[in-house]
C-alpha atoms as a PDB file:
ATOM      1  CA  MET A   1      -0.042   0.051   0.039  1.00  0.00           C
ATOM      2  CA  ASP A   2       0.996   3.571  -0.728  1.00  0.00           C
ATOM      3  CA  ALA A   3       0.541   4.941   2.781  1.00  0.00           C
ATOM      4  CA  ALA A   4       2.540   8.116   2.275  1.00  0.00           C
ATOM      5  CA  LEU A   5       0.383   9.583  -0.465  1.00  0.00           C
ATOM      6  CA  GLY A   6       0.105  13.434   0.163  1.00  0.00           C
ATOM      7  CA  LEU A   7      -3.351  15.152   0.407  1.00  0.00           C
ATOM      8  CA  PRO A   8      -2.936  17.146  -2.777  1.00  0.00           C
ATOM      9  CA  VAL A   9      -2.264  13.975  -4.996  1.00  0.00           C
ATOM     10  CA  LEU A  10      -5.219  12.135  -3.151  1.00  0.00           C
ATOM     11  CA  VAL A  11      -7.640  14.833  -3.868  1.00  0.00           C
ATOM     12  CA  GLY A  12      -6.277  15.123  -7.419  1.00  0.00           C
ATOM     13  CA  LEU A  13      -6.781  11.223  -8.031  1.00  0.00           C
ATOM     14  CA  ILE A  14     -10.474  11.598  -6.651  1.00  0.00           C
ATOM     15  CA  ALA A  15     -11.007  14.397  -9.051  1.00  0.00           C
ATOM     16  CA  VAL A  16      -9.860  12.387 -12.040  1.00  0.00           C
ATOM     17  CA  ALA A  17     -12.268   9.628 -10.800  1.00  0.00           C
ATOM     18  CA  LEU A  18     -15.119  12.102 -10.720  1.00  0.00           C
ATOM     19  CA  LEU A  19     -13.994  13.346 -14.278  1.00  0.00           C
ATOM     20  CA  PHE A  20     -14.431   9.617 -15.397  1.00  0.00           C
ATOM     21  CA  ASP A  21     -17.931   9.564 -13.768  1.00  0.00           C
ATOM     22  CA  PHE A  22     -18.769  12.727 -15.626  1.00  0.00           C
ATOM     23  CA  LEU A  23     -17.523  11.232 -18.903  1.00  0.00           C
ATOM     24  CA  ASN A  24     -19.566   8.033 -18.134  1.00  0.00           C
ATOM     25  CA  GLY A  25     -22.733  10.353 -17.824  1.00  0.00           C
ATOM     26  CA  LEU A  26     -21.786  12.150 -21.045  1.00  0.00           C
ATOM     27  CA  HIS A  27     -20.933   8.941 -22.928  1.00  0.00           C
ATOM     28  CA  ASP A  28     -23.770   6.720 -21.721  1.00  0.00           C
ATOM     29  CA  ALA A  29     -26.372   9.232 -21.137  1.00  0.00           C
ATOM     30  CA  ALA A  30     -27.301   8.441 -24.589  1.00  0.00           C
ATOM     31  CA  ASN A  31     -28.335   4.795 -23.599  1.00  0.00           C
ATOM     32  CA  SER A  32     -30.887   6.022 -21.149  1.00  0.00           C
ATOM     33  CA  ILE A  33     -32.589   8.610 -23.485  1.00  0.00           C
ATOM     34  CA  ALA A  34     -31.846   7.019 -27.062  1.00  0.00           C
ATOM     35  CA  THR A  35     -35.449   5.281 -27.233  1.00  0.00           C
ATOM     36  CA  ILE A  36     -37.460   8.081 -25.807  1.00  0.00           C
ATOM     37  CA  VAL A  37     -35.832  10.433 -28.206  1.00  0.00           C
ATOM     38  CA  SER A  38     -35.919   8.280 -31.308  1.00  0.00           C
ATOM     39  CA  THR A  39     -39.758   7.733 -30.776  1.00  0.00           C
ATOM     40  CA  ARG A  40     -40.146  11.394 -30.589  1.00  0.00           C
ATOM     41  CA  VAL A  41     -41.842  11.168 -27.133  1.00  0.00           C
ATOM     42  CA  LEU A  42     -39.408  13.614 -25.649  1.00  0.00           C
ATOM     43  CA  ARG A  43     -37.136  16.328 -27.489  1.00  0.00           C
ATOM     44  CA  PRO A  44     -33.351  15.527 -26.600  1.00  0.00           C
ATOM     45  CA  GLN A  45     -33.033  18.643 -24.478  1.00  0.00           C
ATOM     46  CA  LEU A  46     -35.829  17.693 -22.105  1.00  0.00           C
ATOM     47  CA  ALA A  47     -34.877  14.052 -22.242  1.00  0.00           C
ATOM     48  CA  VAL A  48     -31.332  14.595 -20.776  1.00  0.00           C
ATOM     49  CA  PHE A  49     -32.854  16.543 -17.895  1.00  0.00           C
ATOM     50  CA  TRP A  50     -35.314  13.610 -17.189  1.00  0.00           C
ATOM     51  CA  ALA A  51     -32.377  10.970 -17.397  1.00  0.00           C
ATOM     52  CA  ALA A  52     -30.107  13.183 -15.282  1.00  0.00           C
ATOM     53  CA  PHE A  53     -32.657  13.443 -12.377  1.00  0.00           C
ATOM     54  CA  PHE A  54     -33.339   9.697 -12.257  1.00  0.00           C
ATOM     55  CA  ASN A  55     -29.497   9.054 -12.460  1.00  0.00           C
ATOM     56  CA  PHE A  56     -28.899  11.348  -9.500  1.00  0.00           C
ATOM     57  CA  ILE A  57     -31.663   9.723  -7.086  1.00  0.00           C
ATOM     58  CA  ALA A  58     -30.328   6.025  -7.877  1.00  0.00           C
ATOM     59  CA  PHE A  59     -28.630   5.915  -4.543  1.00  0.00           C
ATOM     60  CA  LEU A  60     -31.836   6.047  -2.762  1.00  0.00           C
ATOM     61  CA  VAL A  61     -33.197   2.761  -4.516  1.00  0.00           C
ATOM     62  CA  PHE A  62     -30.045   0.490  -4.619  1.00  0.00           C
ATOM     63  CA  GLY A  63     -27.452  -0.875  -2.164  1.00  0.00           C
ATOM     64  CA  LEU A  64     -23.862  -0.668  -2.890  1.00  0.00           C
ATOM     65  CA  HIS A  65     -23.029  -4.203  -4.005  1.00  0.00           C
ATOM     66  CA  VAL A  66     -21.624  -3.077  -7.441  1.00  0.00           C
ATOM     67  CA  ALA A  67     -19.214  -0.559  -5.532  1.00  0.00           C
ATOM     68  CA  GLN A  68     -18.171  -3.554  -3.343  1.00  0.00           C
ATOM     69  CA  THR A  69     -17.411  -5.751  -6.460  1.00  0.00           C
ATOM     70  CA  ILE A  70     -15.293  -3.054  -8.199  1.00  0.00           C
ATOM     71  CA  GLY A  71     -13.391  -2.259  -4.874  1.00  0.00           C
ATOM     72  CA  THR A  72     -12.572  -5.588  -3.660  1.00  0.00           C
ATOM     73  CA  GLY A  73     -13.655  -8.073  -6.576  1.00  0.00           C
ATOM     74  CA  ILE A  74     -11.556  -7.141  -9.687  1.00  0.00           C
ATOM     75  CA  ILE A  75      -8.064  -6.611  -8.368  1.00  0.00           C
ATOM     76  CA  ASP A  76      -6.720  -7.540  -5.059  1.00  0.00           C
ATOM     77  CA  PRO A  77      -7.055  -4.441  -2.810  1.00  0.00           C
ATOM     78  CA  ALA A  78      -3.619  -5.088  -1.483  1.00  0.00           C
ATOM     79  CA  VAL A  79      -2.180  -4.328  -4.688  1.00  0.00           C
ATOM     80  CA  VAL A  80      -4.019  -1.040  -5.154  1.00  0.00           C
ATOM     81  CA  ASP A  81      -2.090   2.290  -4.868  1.00  0.00           C
ATOM     82  CA  ALA A  82      -2.291   5.606  -6.346  1.00  0.00           C
ATOM     83  CA  GLN A  83      -0.315   4.592  -9.572  1.00  0.00           C
ATOM     84  CA  VAL A  84      -2.742   1.658 -10.239  1.00  0.00           C
ATOM     85  CA  ILE A  85      -5.775   3.735  -9.848  1.00  0.00           C
ATOM     86  CA  PHE A  86      -4.322   6.657 -11.961  1.00  0.00           C
ATOM     87  CA  ALA A  87      -3.445   4.079 -14.591  1.00  0.00           C
ATOM     88  CA  ALA A  88      -6.750   2.479 -14.430  1.00  0.00           C
ATOM     89  CA  LEU A  89      -8.533   5.976 -14.832  1.00  0.00           C
ATOM     90  CA  VAL A  90      -6.361   7.198 -17.688  1.00  0.00           C
ATOM     91  CA  GLY A  91      -6.889   3.889 -19.475  1.00  0.00           C
ATOM     92  CA  ALA A  92     -10.782   4.172 -19.096  1.00  0.00           C
ATOM     93  CA  ILE A  93     -10.917   7.900 -19.963  1.00  0.00           C
ATOM     94  CA  VAL A  94      -8.719   7.482 -23.012  1.00  0.00           C
ATOM     95  CA  TRP A  95     -10.738   4.695 -24.516  1.00  0.00           C
ATOM     96  CA  ASN A  96     -14.149   6.590 -23.617  1.00  0.00           C
ATOM     97  CA  LEU A  97     -13.007   9.583 -25.417  1.00  0.00           C
ATOM     98  CA  VAL A  98     -11.864   7.791 -28.571  1.00  0.00           C
ATOM     99  CA  THR A  99     -15.105   5.865 -28.842  1.00  0.00           C
ATOM    100  CA  TRP A 100     -17.097   9.012 -27.978  1.00  0.00           C
ATOM    101  CA  ALA A 101     -15.301  10.986 -30.724  1.00  0.00           C
ATOM    102  CA  LEU A 102     -16.170   8.088 -33.215  1.00  0.00           C
ATOM    103  CA  GLY A 103     -19.723   7.852 -32.205  1.00  0.00           C
ATOM    104  CA  ILE A 104     -19.345   4.148 -31.052  1.00  0.00           C
ATOM    105  CA  PRO A 105     -21.322   2.944 -28.024  1.00  0.00           C
ATOM    106  CA  SER A 106     -18.779   1.020 -26.185  1.00  0.00           C
ATOM    107  CA  SER A 107     -18.943   0.252 -22.487  1.00  0.00           C
ATOM    108  CA  SER A 108     -17.574   2.952 -20.068  1.00  0.00           C
ATOM    109  CA  SER A 109     -17.815   0.164 -17.333  1.00  0.00           C
ATOM    110  CA  HIS A 110     -15.672  -2.368 -19.144  1.00  0.00           C
ATOM    111  CA  ALA A 111     -13.221   0.347 -19.995  1.00  0.00           C
ATOM    112  CA  LEU A 112     -12.935   0.903 -16.215  1.00  0.00           C
ATOM    113  CA  ILE A 113     -12.569  -2.873 -15.561  1.00  0.00           C
ATOM    114  CA  GLY A 114     -10.057  -3.110 -18.166  1.00  0.00           C
ATOM    115  CA  GLY A 115      -8.054  -0.205 -16.929  1.00  0.00           C
ATOM    116  CA  LEU A 116      -8.160  -1.632 -13.499  1.00  0.00           C
ATOM    117  CA  VAL A 117      -6.954  -5.111 -14.810  1.00  0.00           C
ATOM    118  CA  GLY A 118      -4.157  -3.367 -16.809  1.00  0.00           C
ATOM    119  CA  GLY A 119      -2.982  -1.245 -14.041  1.00  0.00           C
ATOM    120  CA  GLY A 120      -2.901  -4.201 -11.503  1.00  0.00           C
ATOM    121  CA  LEU A 121      -1.297  -6.621 -13.793  1.00  0.00           C
ATOM    122  CA  ALA A 122       1.430  -4.114 -14.731  1.00  0.00           C
ATOM    123  CA  LYS A 123       2.331  -3.789 -11.042  1.00  0.00           C
ATOM    124  CA  ALA A 124       1.801  -7.209  -9.570  1.00  0.00           C
ATOM    125  CA  GLY A 125       1.442  -9.764 -12.411  1.00  0.00           C
ATOM    126  CA  ILE A 126      -1.287 -12.338 -12.844  1.00  0.00           C
ATOM    127  CA  SER A 127      -1.698 -12.810  -9.215  1.00  0.00           C
ATOM    128  CA  ALA A 128      -3.245  -9.238  -8.860  1.00  0.00           C
ATOM    129  CA  ALA A 129      -6.405 -10.491 -10.382  1.00  0.00           C
ATOM    130  CA  VAL A 130      -9.499 -11.731  -8.403  1.00  0.00           C
ATOM    131  CA  TRP A 131     -10.674 -14.357 -10.673  1.00  0.00           C
ATOM    132  CA  SER A 132     -13.934 -14.989  -9.159  1.00  0.00           C
ATOM    133  CA  GLY A 133     -15.090 -11.515  -9.446  1.00  0.00           C
ATOM    134  CA  LEU A 134     -13.453 -11.008 -12.830  1.00  0.00           C
ATOM    135  CA  SER A 135     -15.110 -14.109 -14.427  1.00  0.00           C
ATOM    136  CA  LYS A 136     -18.547 -13.026 -13.091  1.00  0.00           C
ATOM    137  CA  THR A 137     -17.989  -9.612 -14.724  1.00  0.00           C
ATOM    138  CA  VAL A 138     -16.634 -11.224 -18.014  1.00  0.00           C
ATOM    139  CA  LEU A 139     -19.746 -13.464 -18.010  1.00  0.00           C
ATOM    140  CA  ALA A 140     -22.024 -10.477 -17.609  1.00  0.00           C
ATOM    141  CA  ILE A 141     -20.598  -9.050 -20.934  1.00  0.00           C
ATOM    142  CA  VAL A 142     -22.262 -11.921 -22.788  1.00  0.00           C
ATOM    143  CA  LEU A 143     -25.338 -12.336 -20.496  1.00  0.00           C
ATOM    144  CA  SER A 144     -26.509  -8.597 -19.996  1.00  0.00           C
ATOM    145  CA  PRO A 145     -27.228  -7.994 -23.853  1.00  0.00           C
ATOM    146  CA  LEU A 146     -28.588 -11.493 -24.144  1.00  0.00           C
ATOM    147  CA  VAL A 147     -31.192 -11.154 -21.278  1.00  0.00           C
ATOM    148  CA  GLY A 148     -31.948  -7.652 -22.569  1.00  0.00           C
ATOM    149  CA  PHE A 149     -32.684  -8.931 -25.956  1.00  0.00           C
ATOM    150  CA  LEU A 150     -34.649 -11.995 -24.883  1.00  0.00           C
ATOM    151  CA  LEU A 151     -36.838  -9.725 -22.297  1.00  0.00           C
ATOM    152  CA  ALA A 152     -37.418  -7.048 -24.973  1.00  0.00           C
ATOM    153  CA  MET A 153     -38.524  -9.679 -27.474  1.00  0.00           C
ATOM    154  CA  ALA A 154     -40.785 -11.413 -24.980  1.00  0.00           C
ATOM    155  CA  LEU A 155     -42.284  -8.054 -23.990  1.00  0.00           C
ATOM    156  CA  VAL A 156     -43.081  -7.033 -27.599  1.00  0.00           C
ATOM    157  CA  ALA A 157     -44.948 -10.613 -28.031  1.00  0.00           C
ATOM    158  CA  ILE A 158     -47.078  -9.916 -24.890  1.00  0.00           C
ATOM    159  CA  VAL A 159     -47.820  -6.253 -25.581  1.00  0.00           C
ATOM    160  CA  SER A 160     -48.659  -7.095 -29.342  1.00  0.00           C
ATOM    161  CA  TRP A 161     -51.181  -9.868 -28.035  1.00  0.00           C
ATOM    162  CA  ALA A 162     -52.583  -7.614 -25.322  1.00  0.00           C
ATOM    163  CA  SER A 163     -53.202  -4.692 -27.609  1.00  0.00           C
ATOM    164  CA  VAL A 164     -54.471  -6.772 -30.769  1.00  0.00           C
ATOM    165  CA  ARG A 165     -58.112  -5.360 -30.311  1.00  0.00           C
ATOM    166  CA  SER A 166     -56.850  -1.594 -29.910  1.00  0.00           C
ATOM    167  CA  THR A 167     -56.370   0.878 -32.903  1.00  0.00           C
ATOM    168  CA  PRO A 168     -52.719   1.812 -33.773  1.00  0.00           C
ATOM    169  CA  PHE A 169     -53.539   5.181 -32.690  1.00  0.00           C
ATOM    170  CA  ALA A 170     -54.644   4.154 -29.334  1.00  0.00           C
ATOM    171  CA  VAL A 171     -51.690   1.902 -28.762  1.00  0.00           C
ATOM    172  CA  ASP A 172     -49.299   4.771 -29.857  1.00  0.00           C
ATOM    173  CA  ARG A 173     -50.940   7.251 -27.418  1.00  0.00           C
ATOM    174  CA  ALA A 174     -50.846   4.821 -24.712  1.00  0.00           C
ATOM    175  CA  PHE A 175     -47.283   3.752 -25.076  1.00  0.00           C
ATOM    176  CA  ARG A 176     -46.165   7.513 -25.476  1.00  0.00           C
ATOM    177  CA  ILE A 177     -47.311   7.972 -21.784  1.00  0.00           C
ATOM    178  CA  LEU A 178     -45.913   4.560 -20.604  1.00  0.00           C
ATOM    179  CA  GLN A 179     -42.499   5.255 -22.044  1.00  0.00           C
ATOM    180  CA  PHE A 180     -41.984   8.043 -19.310  1.00  0.00           C
ATOM    181  CA  ALA A 181     -42.046   5.338 -16.896  1.00  0.00           C
ATOM    182  CA  SER A 182     -39.927   2.883 -18.729  1.00  0.00           C
ATOM    183  CA  ALA A 183     -37.281   5.612 -19.481  1.00  0.00           C
ATOM    184  CA  SER A 184     -37.343   6.529 -15.759  1.00  0.00           C
ATOM    185  CA  LEU A 185     -36.605   2.971 -14.708  1.00  0.00           C
ATOM    186  CA  TYR A 186     -33.935   2.599 -17.162  1.00  0.00           C
ATOM    187  CA  SER A 187     -32.236   5.888 -16.259  1.00  0.00           C
ATOM    188  CA  LEU A 188     -32.561   4.673 -12.393  1.00  0.00           C
ATOM    189  CA  GLY A 189     -30.863   1.305 -13.238  1.00  0.00           C
ATOM    190  CA  HIS A 190     -28.062   3.231 -15.181  1.00  0.00           C
ATOM    191  CA  GLY A 191     -27.421   5.587 -12.433  1.00  0.00           C
ATOM    192  CA  GLY A 192     -27.560   2.764  -9.980  1.00  0.00           C
ATOM    193  CA  ASN A 193     -25.134   0.358 -11.655  1.00  0.00           C
ATOM    194  CA  ASP A 194     -22.779   2.968 -13.337  1.00  0.00           C
ATOM    195  CA  ALA A 195     -22.067   5.396 -10.699  1.00  0.00           C
ATOM    196  CA  GLN A 196     -21.312   2.614  -8.311  1.00  0.00           C
ATOM    197  CA  LYS A 197     -18.239   1.635 -10.341  1.00  0.00           C
ATOM    198  CA  THR A 198     -16.575   5.062  -9.581  1.00  0.00           C
ATOM    199  CA  MET A 199     -17.637   4.786  -5.919  1.00  0.00           C
ATOM    200  CA  GLY A 200     -15.716   1.402  -5.705  1.00  0.00           C
ATOM    201  CA  ILE A 201     -12.606   3.098  -7.408  1.00  0.00           C
ATOM    202  CA  ILE A 202     -12.626   6.030  -4.996  1.00  0.00           C
ATOM    203  CA  ALA A 203     -13.446   3.754  -1.981  1.00  0.00           C
ATOM    204  CA  VAL A 204     -10.446   1.326  -2.566  1.00  0.00           C
ATOM    205  CA  LEU A 205      -8.098   4.322  -3.185  1.00  0.00           C
ATOM    206  CA  LEU A 206      -9.054   5.746   0.232  1.00  0.00           C
ATOM    207  CA  TYR A 207      -8.959   2.161   1.720  1.00  0.00           C
ATOM    208  CA  SER A 208      -5.386   1.738   0.342  1.00  0.00           C
ATOM    209  CA  GLN A 209      -4.378   4.995   2.020  1.00  0.00           C
ATOM    210  CA  GLY A 210      -5.763   3.858   5.353  1.00  0.00           C
ATOM    211  CA  HIS A 211      -8.592   6.340   5.415  1.00  0.00           C
ATOM    212  CA  LEU A 212     -11.398   3.665   5.863  1.00  0.00           C
ATOM    213  CA  GLY A 213      -9.731   1.721   8.799  1.00  0.00           C
ATOM    214  CA  SER A 214      -9.646  -2.119   8.513  1.00  0.00           C
ATOM    215  CA  GLU A 215     -12.947  -2.521   6.801  1.00  0.00           C
ATOM    216  CA  PHE A 216     -13.726  -1.638   3.193  1.00  0.00           C
ATOM    217  CA  SER A 217     -16.789   0.578   2.854  1.00  0.00           C
ATOM    218  CA  VAL A 218     -17.935   3.517   0.737  1.00  0.00           C
ATOM    219  CA  PRO A 219     -18.419   6.783   2.582  1.00  0.00           C
ATOM    220  CA  PHE A 220     -21.787   8.742   1.824  1.00  0.00           C
ATOM    221  CA  TRP A 221     -19.808  11.742   0.481  1.00  0.00           C
ATOM    222  CA  VAL A 222     -18.375   9.459  -2.108  1.00  0.00           C
ATOM    223  CA  VAL A 223     -21.821   8.102  -3.060  1.00  0.00           C
ATOM    224  CA  LEU A 224     -23.325  11.778  -3.368  1.00  0.00           C
ATOM    225  CA  SER A 225     -20.446  13.196  -5.353  1.00  0.00           C
ATOM    226  CA  CYS A 226     -20.415  10.190  -7.767  1.00  0.00           C
ATOM    227  CA  GLN A 227     -24.274  10.346  -8.289  1.00  0.00           C
ATOM    228  CA  ALA A 228     -23.817  14.201  -8.874  1.00  0.00           C
ATOM    229  CA  ALA A 229     -20.888  13.784 -11.395  1.00  0.00           C
ATOM    230  CA  MET A 230     -22.804  11.231 -13.405  1.00  0.00           C
ATOM    231  CA  ALA A 231     -26.144  13.384 -13.444  1.00  0.00           C
ATOM    232  CA  LEU A 232     -24.038  16.416 -14.694  1.00  0.00           C
ATOM    233  CA  GLY A 233     -22.345  14.404 -17.437  1.00  0.00           C
ATOM    234  CA  THR A 234     -25.976  13.147 -18.415  1.00  0.00           C
ATOM    235  CA  LEU A 235     -27.082  16.879 -18.594  1.00  0.00           C
ATOM    236  CA  MET A 236     -24.191  17.412 -21.072  1.00  0.00           C
ATOM    237  CA  GLY A 237     -25.433  14.093 -22.987  1.00  0.00           C
ATOM    238  CA  GLY A 238     -23.842  12.790 -26.158  1.00  0.00           C
ATOM    239  CA  TRP A 239     -26.242  13.261 -29.205  1.00  0.00           C
ATOM    240  CA  ARG A 240     -23.712  11.335 -31.557  1.00  0.00           C
ATOM    241  CA  ILE A 241     -24.317   8.102 -29.688  1.00  0.00           C
ATOM    242  CA  VAL A 242     -28.067   8.774 -29.307  1.00  0.00           C
ATOM    243  CA  ARG A 243     -28.216   8.612 -33.173  1.00  0.00           C
ATOM    244  CA  THR A 244     -26.504   5.330 -33.245  1.00  0.00           C
ATOM    245  CA  MET A 245     -28.533   3.676 -30.390  1.00  0.00           C
ATOM    246  CA  GLY A 246     -32.010   4.953 -31.353  1.00  0.00           C
ATOM    247  CA  LEU A 247     -31.976   5.560 -34.914  1.00  0.00           C
ATOM    248  CA  ARG A 248     -29.325   3.592 -36.816  1.00  0.00           C
ATOM    249  CA  ILE A 249     -29.706   0.049 -35.268  1.00  0.00           C
ATOM    250  CA  THR A 250     -33.497  -0.098 -35.965  1.00  0.00           C
ATOM    251  CA  LYS A 251     -36.600   2.207 -36.290  1.00  0.00           C
ATOM    252  CA  LEU A 252     -38.751   2.367 -33.086  1.00  0.00           C
ATOM    253  CA  THR A 253     -42.304   3.056 -32.244  1.00  0.00           C
ATOM    254  CA  PRO A 254     -43.294   4.198 -28.721  1.00  0.00           C
ATOM    255  CA  MET A 255     -44.519   0.616 -27.990  1.00  0.00           C
ATOM    256  CA  GLN A 256     -41.023  -0.811 -28.971  1.00  0.00           C
ATOM    257  CA  GLY A 257     -39.310   1.888 -27.176  1.00  0.00           C
ATOM    258  CA  PHE A 258     -41.247   0.963 -24.067  1.00  0.00           C
ATOM    259  CA  CYS A 259     -40.333  -2.788 -24.486  1.00  0.00           C
ATOM    260  CA  ALA A 260     -36.725  -1.981 -24.963  1.00  0.00           C
ATOM    261  CA  GLU A 261     -36.425   0.267 -21.990  1.00  0.00           C
ATOM    262  CA  THR A 262     -38.405  -2.099 -19.710  1.00  0.00           C
ATOM    263  CA  GLY A 263     -36.262  -5.172 -20.815  1.00  0.00           C
ATOM    264  CA  GLY A 264     -32.988  -3.138 -20.338  1.00  0.00           C
ATOM    265  CA  ALA A 265     -34.168  -1.673 -16.950  1.00  0.00           C
ATOM    266  CA  ALA A 266     -35.210  -5.114 -15.627  1.00  0.00           C
ATOM    267  CA  THR A 267     -31.736  -6.640 -16.429  1.00  0.00           C
ATOM    268  CA  LEU A 268     -29.902  -3.663 -14.949  1.00  0.00           C
ATOM    269  CA  PHE A 269     -32.014  -3.997 -11.692  1.00  0.00           C
ATOM    270  CA  MET A 270     -31.156  -7.541 -11.369  1.00  0.00           C
ATOM    271  CA  ALA A 271     -27.375  -7.111 -11.978  1.00  0.00           C
ATOM    272  CA  THR A 272     -27.280  -4.216  -9.555  1.00  0.00           C
ATOM    273  CA  TYR A 273     -29.014  -6.291  -6.780  1.00  0.00           C
ATOM    274  CA  LEU A 274     -26.598  -9.233  -7.592  1.00  0.00           C
ATOM    275  CA  GLY A 275     -23.663  -6.697  -7.310  1.00  0.00           C
ATOM    276  CA  VAL A 276     -22.534  -7.471 -11.040  1.00  0.00           C
ATOM    277  CA  PRO A 277     -20.889  -4.429 -12.726  1.00  0.00           C
ATOM    278  CA  VAL A 278     -22.773  -4.844 -16.089  1.00  0.00           C
ATOM    279  CA  SER A 279     -22.672  -2.625 -19.113  1.00  0.00           C
ATOM    280  CA  THR A 280     -25.551  -0.249 -19.572  1.00  0.00           C
ATOM    281  CA  THR A 281     -24.635   0.143 -23.128  1.00  0.00           C
ATOM    282  CA  HIS A 282     -24.586  -3.548 -23.902  1.00  0.00           C
ATOM    283  CA  THR A 283     -27.893  -3.972 -22.019  1.00  0.00           C
ATOM    284  CA  ILE A 284     -29.846  -1.386 -24.043  1.00  0.00           C
ATOM    285  CA  THR A 285     -28.369  -2.373 -27.414  1.00  0.00           C
ATOM    286  CA  GLY A 286     -29.458  -5.905 -26.778  1.00  0.00           C
ATOM    287  CA  ALA A 287     -32.877  -4.818 -25.899  1.00  0.00           C
ATOM    288  CA  ILE A 288     -33.154  -2.570 -28.909  1.00  0.00           C
ATOM    289  CA  VAL A 289     -31.968  -5.322 -31.323  1.00  0.00           C
ATOM    290  CA  GLY A 290     -34.355  -7.637 -29.614  1.00  0.00           C
ATOM    291  CA  VAL A 291     -37.279  -5.390 -30.290  1.00  0.00           C
ATOM    292  CA  GLY A 292     -36.143  -5.027 -33.962  1.00  0.00           C
ATOM    293  CA  ALA A 293     -35.851  -8.728 -34.404  1.00  0.00           C
ATOM    294  CA  ALA A 294     -39.219  -9.300 -32.872  1.00  0.00           C
ATOM    295  CA  ARG A 295     -40.824  -7.405 -35.787  1.00  0.00           C
ATOM    296  CA  ARG A 296     -38.536  -9.045 -38.352  1.00  0.00           C
ATOM    297  CA  VAL A 297     -34.815 -10.101 -38.621  1.00  0.00           C
ATOM    298  CA  SER A 298     -34.244  -7.711 -41.356  1.00  0.00           C
ATOM    299  CA  ALA A 299     -35.571  -4.555 -39.474  1.00  0.00           C
ATOM    300  CA  VAL A 300     -32.224  -4.599 -37.545  1.00  0.00           C
ATOM    301  CA  ARG A 301     -29.444  -2.991 -39.490  1.00  0.00           C
ATOM    302  CA  TRP A 302     -27.077  -5.832 -38.581  1.00  0.00           C
ATOM    303  CA  ASN A 303     -23.873  -4.074 -39.924  1.00  0.00           C
ATOM    304  CA  VAL A 304     -24.297  -1.352 -37.399  1.00  0.00           C
ATOM    305  CA  ALA A 305     -25.008  -3.924 -34.723  1.00  0.00           C
ATOM    306  CA  SER A 306     -21.921  -5.815 -35.533  1.00  0.00           C
ATOM    307  CA  SER A 307     -19.542  -2.878 -35.449  1.00  0.00           C
ATOM    308  CA  ILE A 308     -20.922  -2.029 -31.928  1.00  0.00           C
ATOM    309  CA  VAL A 309     -19.896  -5.975 -31.110  1.00  0.00           C
ATOM    310  CA  TYR A 310     -16.438  -5.329 -32.350  1.00  0.00           C
ATOM    311  CA  ALA A 311     -16.111  -2.262 -30.095  1.00  0.00           C
ATOM    312  CA  TRP A 312     -17.333  -4.341 -27.098  1.00  0.00           C
ATOM    313  CA  VAL A 313     -14.824  -7.151 -27.661  1.00  0.00           C
ATOM    314  CA  ILE A 314     -11.785  -4.767 -27.774  1.00  0.00           C
ATOM    315  CA  THR A 315     -12.721  -2.541 -25.047  1.00  0.00           C
ATOM    316  CA  ILE A 316     -11.342  -4.482 -21.963  1.00  0.00           C
ATOM    317  CA  PRO A 317      -8.061  -5.293 -23.878  1.00  0.00           C
ATOM    318  CA  ALA A 318      -7.625  -1.800 -25.371  1.00  0.00           C
ATOM    319  CA  SER A 319      -8.091   0.019 -22.121  1.00  0.00           C
ATOM    320  CA  ALA A 320      -6.052  -2.569 -20.092  1.00  0.00           C
ATOM    321  CA  ILE A 321      -3.184  -1.948 -22.537  1.00  0.00           C
ATOM    322  CA  VAL A 322      -3.565   1.964 -22.248  1.00  0.00           C
ATOM    323  CA  ALA A 323      -3.486   1.501 -18.215  1.00  0.00           C
ATOM    324  CA  ALA A 324      -0.579  -0.734 -18.326  1.00  0.00           C
ATOM    325  CA  LEU A 325       1.453   1.732 -20.581  1.00  0.00           C
ATOM    326  CA  THR A 326       0.469   4.485 -18.110  1.00  0.00           C
ATOM    327  CA  TRP A 327       1.681   2.720 -15.049  1.00  0.00           C
ATOM    328  CA  TRP A 328       4.926   1.992 -16.758  1.00  0.00           C
ATOM    329  CA  LEU A 329       5.350   5.689 -17.712  1.00  0.00           C
ATOM    330  CA  VAL A 330       4.673   6.666 -14.166  1.00  0.00           C
ATOM    331  CA  GLN A 331       7.348   4.592 -13.153  1.00  0.00           C
ATOM    332  CA  LEU A 332       9.766   5.860 -15.657  1.00  0.00           C
ATOM    333  CA  VAL A 333       9.030   9.483 -14.410  1.00  0.00           C
ATOM    334  CA  LYS A 334       9.323   8.672 -10.805  1.00  0.00           C
END
């Protein structure tokens, strides 16, 4: 442990972590508003306020299981020091900015996990990894979009059957109202799962410096500041990625938007309850593809969906490599 870390450096690292959280909100805000914007239920400006509010209040609903996993279940906390945290954050932020600039909805969550793994392995080798937590997270990479896909597809079937006697106008009007609820739930799930990842990073940094005593925990000021940083990032939301998520993968009606958001929200609620740090990007994309495929397979623009999958696959290795290089550079500068 790096017990001699000065206060200015500690504050600086916490500020970098909150910058990551802000960028996470900026980058992933699109996930929680893509469907409600693409169905034209809300204008983008109003949608980001809506999402930011539910992002912020998520801490009132969920426990801190995901923060616990990030803090103690990816890299051995004994390995963590200021250099590892700095390398992890640089790896995640660089990858986030590259994919944001290119308009690719990659995962901020997996960029952070990749950064942690890269920094930890660069410092202590293969023994730094906590394989039980890491394997659970890697499994979630596959399962979260698949569960979102299946839930959204099932919801389309149920809703279509239930509204078979209604006129298209009545169905459209009803689901425009219901989409407010589904978008709120999805933003709540997004705030609950994603903000906790930065909470875990800040808490394990404080723990490594001896500021939390012998027991790992997440101070309330860390919870509030992370939720606020993510909500602020959401307010500055990324319209580039909204277009990819809501318009380019498949065209959505309000009923389909409702099914995609509800399927995505249910997946996030389950994962957050179980303490699994899943990707909100993967989850909503899986749900949107499921909704499109329920209509007909050709309704999904598979070339767009496949380019998104490639970005997912390389996110953890890419951010891990940037983090490892950062760690080595820090050693050279010291």
